[in-house]
């Protein structure tokens, strides 16, 4: 691994940790990581970190129902 690759990895992992444990926004972590939002979201997923946060199962069910309704409206 080159020095540049190590620095890139360190930035990405720092951003991942800040997002997961530090409550830092997705947008700010993308800036820290030097990545586009879609790439950073993919990176989070590859490392077992979800961008979805629900306070309860009820909140999840409500969001799922809203998404299904919106999908039906487009069909």
PDB file of N, CA and C in Angstrom:
ATOM      1  N   UNK A   1       0.853  -1.176   0.000  1.00  0.00           N
ATOM      2  CA  UNK A   1       0.000   0.000   0.000  1.00  0.00           C
ATOM      3  C   UNK A   1       0.896   1.236   0.000  1.00  0.00           C
ATOM      4  N   UNK A   2       0.571   2.146  -0.883  1.00  0.00           N
ATOM      5  CA  UNK A   2       1.351   3.381  -0.950  1.00  0.00           C
ATOM      6  C   UNK A   2       0.928   4.318   0.170  1.00  0.00           C
ATOM      7  N   UNK A   3       1.717   5.333   0.381  1.00  0.00           N
ATOM      8  CA  UNK A   3       1.408   6.334   1.393  1.00  0.00           C
ATOM      9  C   UNK A   3       0.089   7.034   1.073  1.00  0.00           C
ATOM     10  N   UNK A   4      -0.140   7.333  -0.190  1.00  0.00           N
ATOM     11  CA  UNK A   4      -1.374   7.992  -0.621  1.00  0.00           C
ATOM     12  C   UNK A   4      -2.587   7.090  -0.365  1.00  0.00           C
ATOM     13  N   UNK A   5      -2.456   5.807  -0.674  1.00  0.00           N
ATOM     14  CA  UNK A   5      -3.546   4.859  -0.431  1.00  0.00           C
ATOM     15  C   UNK A   5      -3.840   4.737   1.059  1.00  0.00           C
ATOM     16  N   UNK A   6      -2.794   4.729   1.867  1.00  0.00           N
ATOM     17  CA  UNK A   6      -2.965   4.645   3.321  1.00  0.00           C
ATOM     18  C   UNK A   6      -3.683   5.884   3.856  1.00  0.00           C
ATOM     19  N   UNK A   7      -3.342   7.046   3.325  1.00  0.00           N
ATOM     20  CA  UNK A   7      -4.008   8.283   3.749  1.00  0.00           C
ATOM     21  C   UNK A   7      -5.473   8.280   3.347  1.00  0.00           C
ATOM     22  N   UNK A   8      -5.765   7.795   2.137  1.00  0.00           N
ATOM     23  CA  UNK A   8      -7.158   7.709   1.685  1.00  0.00           C
ATOM     24  C   UNK A   8      -7.955   6.767   2.585  1.00  0.00           C
ATOM     25  N   UNK A   9      -7.375   5.621   2.896  1.00  0.00           N
ATOM     26  CA  UNK A   9      -8.045   4.658   3.764  1.00  0.00           C
ATOM     27  C   UNK A   9      -8.261   5.241   5.158  1.00  0.00           C
ATOM     28  N   UNK A  10      -7.279   5.937   5.679  1.00  0.00           N
ATOM     29  CA  UNK A  10      -7.398   6.552   7.006  1.00  0.00           C
ATOM     30  C   UNK A  10      -8.525   7.583   7.021  1.00  0.00           C
ATOM     31  N   UNK A  11      -8.646   8.378   5.960  1.00  0.00           N
ATOM     32  CA  UNK A  11      -9.728   9.366   5.881  1.00  0.00           C
ATOM     33  C   UNK A  11     -11.093   8.676   5.829  1.00  0.00           C
ATOM     34  N   UNK A  12     -11.184   7.635   5.014  1.00  0.00           N
ATOM     35  CA  UNK A  12     -12.459   6.919   4.900  1.00  0.00           C
ATOM     36  C   UNK A  12     -12.850   6.259   6.222  1.00  0.00           C
ATOM     37  N   UNK A  13     -11.887   5.631   6.887  1.00  0.00           N
ATOM     38  CA  UNK A  13     -12.193   4.953   8.148  1.00  0.00           C
ATOM     39  C   UNK A  13     -12.514   5.954   9.259  1.00  0.00           C
ATOM     40  N   UNK A  14     -11.841   7.088   9.250  1.00  0.00           N
ATOM     41  CA  UNK A  14     -12.155   8.141  10.228  1.00  0.00           C
ATOM     42  C   UNK A  14     -13.587   8.628  10.011  1.00  0.00           C
ATOM     43  N   UNK A  15     -13.943   8.870   8.757  1.00  0.00           N
ATOM     44  CA  UNK A  15     -15.296   9.326   8.441  1.00  0.00           C
ATOM     45  C   UNK A  15     -16.322   8.267   8.834  1.00  0.00           C
ATOM     46  N   UNK A  16     -16.024   6.996   8.581  1.00  0.00           N
ATOM     47  CA  UNK A  16     -16.931   5.924   8.962  1.00  0.00           C
ATOM     48  C   UNK A  16     -17.164   5.930  10.470  1.00  0.00           C
ATOM     49  N   UNK A  17     -16.106   6.026  11.233  1.00  0.00           N
ATOM     50  CA  UNK A  17     -16.222   6.039  12.693  1.00  0.00           C
ATOM     51  C   UNK A  17     -16.990   7.241  13.200  1.00  0.00           C
ATOM     52  N   UNK A  18     -16.744   8.391  12.614  1.00  0.00           N
ATOM     53  CA  UNK A  18     -17.468   9.597  13.023  1.00  0.00           C
ATOM     54  C   UNK A  18     -18.953   9.478  12.717  1.00  0.00           C
ATOM     55  N   UNK A  19     -19.278   8.887  11.574  1.00  0.00           N
ATOM     56  CA  UNK A  19     -20.678   8.712  11.215  1.00  0.00           C
ATOM     57  C   UNK A  19     -21.352   7.698  12.146  1.00  0.00           C
ATOM     58  N   UNK A  20     -20.674   6.575  12.361  1.00  0.00           N
ATOM     59  CA  UNK A  20     -21.258   5.497  13.148  1.00  0.00           C
ATOM     60  C   UNK A  20     -21.364   5.827  14.635  1.00  0.00           C
ATOM     61  N   UNK A  21     -20.326   6.409  15.196  1.00  0.00           N
ATOM     62  CA  UNK A  21     -20.272   6.603  16.649  1.00  0.00           C
ATOM     63  C   UNK A  21     -20.361   8.057  17.104  1.00  0.00           C
ATOM     64  N   UNK A  22     -20.056   8.978  16.209  1.00  0.00           N
ATOM     65  CA  UNK A  22     -19.956  10.366  16.627  1.00  0.00           C
ATOM     66  C   UNK A  22     -21.128  11.243  16.280  1.00  0.00           C
ATOM     67  N   UNK A  23     -22.107  10.690  15.568  1.00  0.00           N
ATOM     68  CA  UNK A  23     -23.268  11.491  15.221  1.00  0.00           C
ATOM     69  C   UNK A  23     -22.971  12.601  14.231  1.00  0.00           C
ATOM     70  N   UNK A  24     -21.908  12.465  13.460  1.00  0.00           N
ATOM     71  CA  UNK A  24     -21.552  13.470  12.454  1.00  0.00           C
ATOM     72  C   UNK A  24     -22.386  13.196  11.206  1.00  0.00           C
ATOM     73  N   UNK A  25     -22.835  14.242  10.545  1.00  0.00           N
ATOM     74  CA  UNK A  25     -23.733  14.093   9.404  1.00  0.00           C
ATOM     75  C   UNK A  25     -23.086  13.346   8.245  1.00  0.00           C
ATOM     76  N   UNK A  26     -23.945  12.751   7.443  1.00  0.00           N
ATOM     77  CA  UNK A  26     -23.488  12.023   6.265  1.00  0.00           C
ATOM     78  C   UNK A  26     -22.707  12.950   5.330  1.00  0.00           C
ATOM     79  N   UNK A  27     -23.242  14.143   5.093  1.00  0.00           N
ATOM     80  CA  UNK A  27     -22.579  15.085   4.199  1.00  0.00           C
ATOM     81  C   UNK A  27     -21.192  15.473   4.662  1.00  0.00           C
ATOM     82  N   UNK A  28     -21.066  15.741   5.952  1.00  0.00           N
ATOM     83  CA  UNK A  28     -19.753  16.126   6.479  1.00  0.00           C
ATOM     84  C   UNK A  28     -18.779  14.948   6.408  1.00  0.00           C
ATOM     85  N   UNK A  29     -19.263  13.757   6.688  1.00  0.00           N
ATOM     86  CA  UNK A  29     -18.385  12.583   6.606  1.00  0.00           C
ATOM     87  C   UNK A  29     -17.940  12.315   5.167  1.00  0.00           C
ATOM     88  N   UNK A  30     -18.807  12.603   4.207  1.00  0.00           N
ATOM     89  CA  UNK A  30     -18.410  12.473   2.796  1.00  0.00           C
ATOM     90  C   UNK A  30     -17.250  13.409   2.486  1.00  0.00           C
ATOM     91  N   UNK A  31     -17.334  14.618   3.009  1.00  0.00           N
ATOM     92  CA  UNK A  31     -16.249  15.579   2.804  1.00  0.00           C
ATOM     93  C   UNK A  31     -14.956  15.081   3.434  1.00  0.00           C
ATOM     94  N   UNK A  32     -15.042  14.568   4.660  1.00  0.00           N
ATOM     95  CA  UNK A  32     -13.856  14.054   5.346  1.00  0.00           C
ATOM     96  C   UNK A  32     -13.244  12.906   4.556  1.00  0.00           C
ATOM     97  N   UNK A  33     -14.116  12.015   4.058  1.00  0.00           N
ATOM     98  CA  UNK A  33     -13.640  10.844   3.324  1.00  0.00           C
ATOM     99  C   UNK A  33     -13.158  11.192   1.924  1.00  0.00           C
ATOM    100  N   UNK A  34     -13.565  12.366   1.428  1.00  0.00           N
ATOM    101  CA  UNK A  34     -13.205  12.737   0.060  1.00  0.00           C
ATOM    102  C   UNK A  34     -13.953  11.911  -0.971  1.00  0.00           C
ATOM    103  N   UNK A  35     -15.210  11.577  -0.646  1.00  0.00           N
ATOM    104  CA  UNK A  35     -16.001  10.709  -1.514  1.00  0.00           C
ATOM    105  C   UNK A  35     -17.334  11.368  -1.842  1.00  0.00           C
ATOM    106  N   UNK A  36     -17.899  10.991  -2.990  1.00  0.00           N
ATOM    107  CA  UNK A  36     -19.266  11.390  -3.324  1.00  0.00           C
ATOM    108  C   UNK A  36     -20.211  10.654  -2.381  1.00  0.00           C
ATOM    109  N   UNK A  37     -21.378  11.239  -2.163  1.00  0.00           N
ATOM    110  CA  UNK A  37     -22.332  10.660  -1.211  1.00  0.00           C
ATOM    111  C   UNK A  37     -22.680   9.213  -1.552  1.00  0.00           C
ATOM    112  N   UNK A  38     -22.966   8.927  -2.809  1.00  0.00           N
ATOM    113  CA  UNK A  38     -23.343   7.555  -3.185  1.00  0.00           C
ATOM    114  C   UNK A  38     -22.198   6.577  -2.928  1.00  0.00           C
ATOM    115  N   UNK A  39     -20.974   7.001  -3.177  1.00  0.00           N
ATOM    116  CA  UNK A  39     -19.817   6.134  -2.917  1.00  0.00           C
ATOM    117  C   UNK A  39     -19.616   5.911  -1.424  1.00  0.00           C
ATOM    118  N   UNK A  40     -19.832   6.952  -0.623  1.00  0.00           N
ATOM    119  CA  UNK A  40     -19.657   6.818   0.816  1.00  0.00           C
ATOM    120  C   UNK A  40     -20.745   5.921   1.412  1.00  0.00           C
ATOM    121  N   UNK A  41     -21.972   6.064   0.932  1.00  0.00           N
ATOM    122  CA  UNK A  41     -23.059   5.197   1.405  1.00  0.00           C
ATOM    123  C   UNK A  41     -22.731   3.744   1.074  1.00  0.00           C
ATOM    124  N   UNK A  42     -22.230   3.491  -0.118  1.00  0.00           N
ATOM    125  CA  UNK A  42     -21.812   2.141  -0.507  1.00  0.00           C
ATOM    126  C   UNK A  42     -20.685   1.654   0.401  1.00  0.00           C
ATOM    127  N   UNK A  43     -19.718   2.506   0.684  1.00  0.00           N
ATOM    128  CA  UNK A  43     -18.605   2.168   1.574  1.00  0.00           C
ATOM    129  C   UNK A  43     -19.120   1.815   2.978  1.00  0.00           C
ATOM    130  N   UNK A  44     -20.076   2.600   3.468  1.00  0.00           N
ATOM    131  CA  UNK A  44     -20.669   2.293   4.774  1.00  0.00           C
ATOM    132  C   UNK A  44     -21.289   0.907   4.754  1.00  0.00           C
ATOM    133  N   UNK A  45     -22.086   0.627   3.727  1.00  0.00           N
ATOM    134  CA  UNK A  45     -22.735  -0.683   3.617  1.00  0.00           C
ATOM    135  C   UNK A  45     -21.745  -1.824   3.551  1.00  0.00           C
ATOM    136  N   UNK A  46     -20.663  -1.630   2.818  1.00  0.00           N
ATOM    137  CA  UNK A  46     -19.631  -2.666   2.718  1.00  0.00           C
ATOM    138  C   UNK A  46     -18.960  -2.934   4.061  1.00  0.00           C
ATOM    139  N   UNK A  47     -19.082  -1.970   4.960  1.00  0.00           N
ATOM    140  CA  UNK A  47     -18.479  -2.101   6.285  1.00  0.00           C
ATOM    141  C   UNK A  47     -19.529  -2.292   7.384  1.00  0.00           C
ATOM    142  N   UNK A  48     -20.723  -2.692   6.980  1.00  0.00           N
ATOM    143  CA  UNK A  48     -21.767  -3.047   7.933  1.00  0.00           C
ATOM    144  C   UNK A  48     -22.422  -1.892   8.654  1.00  0.00           C
ATOM    145  N   UNK A  49     -22.361  -0.688   8.075  1.00  0.00           N
ATOM    146  CA  UNK A  49     -22.976   0.486   8.697  1.00  0.00           C
ATOM    147  C   UNK A  49     -24.155   0.924   7.835  1.00  0.00           C
ATOM    148  N   UNK A  50     -25.325   0.994   8.438  1.00  0.00           N
ATOM    149  CA  UNK A  50     -26.532   1.398   7.722  1.00  0.00           C
ATOM    150  C   UNK A  50     -26.728   2.910   7.805  1.00  0.00           C
ATOM    151  N   UNK A  51     -27.298   3.474   6.757  1.00  0.00           N
ATOM    152  CA  UNK A  51     -27.643   4.894   6.773  1.00  0.00           C
ATOM    153  C   UNK A  51     -29.058   5.099   7.289  1.00  0.00           C
ATOM    154  N   UNK A  52     -29.755   4.012   7.576  1.00  0.00           N
ATOM    155  CA  UNK A  52     -31.117   4.083   8.079  1.00  0.00           C
ATOM    156  C   UNK A  52     -31.104   3.942   9.592  1.00  0.00           C
ATOM    157  N   UNK A  53     -31.762   4.880  10.266  1.00  0.00           N
ATOM    158  CA  UNK A  53     -31.818   4.878  11.725  1.00  0.00           C
ATOM    159  C   UNK A  53     -33.271   5.101  12.157  1.00  0.00           C
ATOM    160  N   UNK A  54     -33.802   4.141  12.870  1.00  0.00           N
ATOM    161  CA  UNK A  54     -35.176   4.228  13.353  1.00  0.00           C
ATOM    162  C   UNK A  54     -35.178   4.094  14.864  1.00  0.00           C
ATOM    163  N   UNK A  55     -36.036   4.866  15.511  1.00  0.00           N
ATOM    164  CA  UNK A  55     -36.124   4.838  16.970  1.00  0.00           C
ATOM    165  C   UNK A  55     -36.935   3.658  17.479  1.00  0.00           C
ATOM    166  N   UNK A  56     -37.771   3.093  16.602  1.00  0.00           N
ATOM    167  CA  UNK A  56     -38.603   1.974  17.035  1.00  0.00           C
ATOM    168  C   UNK A  56     -39.024   1.150  15.822  1.00  0.00           C
ATOM    169  N   UNK A  57     -39.526  -0.034  16.101  1.00  0.00           N
ATOM    170  CA  UNK A  57     -40.040  -0.882  15.031  1.00  0.00           C
ATOM    171  C   UNK A  57     -41.261  -0.224  14.389  1.00  0.00           C
ATOM    172  N   UNK A  58     -42.029   0.477  15.187  1.00  0.00           N
ATOM    173  CA  UNK A  58     -43.207   1.194  14.702  1.00  0.00           C
ATOM    174  C   UNK A  58     -42.808   2.257  13.669  1.00  0.00           C
ATOM    175  N   UNK A  59     -41.758   2.996  13.968  1.00  0.00           N
ATOM    176  CA  UNK A  59     -41.279   4.020  13.033  1.00  0.00           C
ATOM    177  C   UNK A  59     -40.807   3.381  11.733  1.00  0.00           C
ATOM    178  N   UNK A  60     -40.117   2.248  11.830  1.00  0.00           N
ATOM    179  CA  UNK A  60     -39.670   1.526  10.638  1.00  0.00           C
ATOM    180  C   UNK A  60     -40.866   1.086   9.796  1.00  0.00           C
ATOM    181  N   UNK A  61     -41.871   0.488  10.452  1.00  0.00           N
ATOM    182  CA  UNK A  61     -43.056   0.018   9.740  1.00  0.00           C
ATOM    183  C   UNK A  61     -43.770   1.169   9.029  1.00  0.00           C
ATOM    184  N   UNK A  62     -43.839   2.326   9.678  1.00  0.00           N
ATOM    185  CA  UNK A  62     -44.470   3.497   9.078  1.00  0.00           C
ATOM    186  C   UNK A  62     -43.703   3.958   7.838  1.00  0.00           C
ATOM    187  N   UNK A  63     -42.399   4.013   7.941  1.00  0.00           N
ATOM    188  CA  UNK A  63     -41.575   4.428   6.798  1.00  0.00           C
ATOM    189  C   UNK A  63     -41.690   3.429   5.650  1.00  0.00           C
ATOM    190  N   UNK A  64     -41.728   2.145   5.977  1.00  0.00           N
ATOM    191  CA  UNK A  64     -41.878   1.119   4.959  1.00  0.00           C
ATOM    192  C   UNK A  64     -43.217   1.253   4.246  1.00  0.00           C
ATOM    193  N   UNK A  65     -44.282   1.482   5.000  1.00  0.00           N
ATOM    194  CA  UNK A  65     -45.603   1.668   4.404  1.00  0.00           C
ATOM    195  C   UNK A  65     -45.619   2.906   3.500  1.00  0.00           C
ATOM    196  N   UNK A  66     -44.980   3.981   3.924  1.00  0.00           N
ATOM    197  CA  UNK A  66     -44.905   5.192   3.092  1.00  0.00           C
ATOM    198  C   UNK A  66     -44.151   4.923   1.795  1.00  0.00           C
ATOM    199  N   UNK A  67     -43.071   4.187   1.883  1.00  0.00           N
ATOM    200  CA  UNK A  67     -42.280   3.871   0.681  1.00  0.00           C
ATOM    201  C   UNK A  67     -43.082   2.992  -0.277  1.00  0.00           C
ATOM    202  N   UNK A  68     -43.796   2.017   0.275  1.00  0.00           N
ATOM    203  CA  UNK A  68     -44.601   1.145  -0.574  1.00  0.00           C
ATOM    204  C   UNK A  68     -45.726   1.926  -1.245  1.00  0.00           C
ATOM    205  N   UNK A  69     -46.336   2.859  -0.511  1.00  0.00           N
ATOM    206  CA  UNK A  69     -47.400   3.686  -1.075  1.00  0.00           C
ATOM    207  C   UNK A  69     -46.860   4.572  -2.196  1.00  0.00           C
ATOM    208  N   UNK A  70     -45.711   5.165  -1.983  1.00  0.00           N
ATOM    209  CA  UNK A  70     -45.109   6.025  -3.005  1.00  0.00           C
ATOM    210  C   UNK A  70     -44.765   5.208  -4.252  1.00  0.00           C
ATOM    211  N   UNK A  71     -44.304   3.998  -4.048  1.00  0.00           N
ATOM    212  CA  UNK A  71     -43.965   3.127  -5.171  1.00  0.00           C
ATOM    213  C   UNK A  71     -45.223   2.757  -5.962  1.00  0.00           C
ATOM    214  N   UNK A  72     -46.311   2.486  -5.267  1.00  0.00           N
ATOM    215  CA  UNK A  72     -47.585   2.144  -5.921  1.00  0.00           C
ATOM    216  C   UNK A  72     -48.121   3.327  -6.724  1.00  0.00           C
ATOM    217  N   UNK A  73     -47.914   4.521  -6.198  1.00  0.00           N
ATOM    218  CA  UNK A  73     -48.395   5.732  -6.884  1.00  0.00           C
ATOM    219  C   UNK A  73     -47.683   5.939  -8.212  1.00  0.00           C
ATOM    220  N   UNK A  74     -46.434   5.503  -8.305  1.00  0.00           N
ATOM    221  CA  UNK A  74     -45.655   5.688  -9.539  1.00  0.00           C
ATOM    222  C   UNK A  74     -45.970   4.622 -10.574  1.00  0.00           C
ATOM    223  N   UNK A  75     -46.530   3.507 -10.156  1.00  0.00           N
ATOM    224  CA  UNK A  75     -46.785   2.384 -11.090  1.00  0.00           C
ATOM    225  C   UNK A  75     -47.996   2.591 -11.954  1.00  0.00           C
TER     226      UNK A  75
END
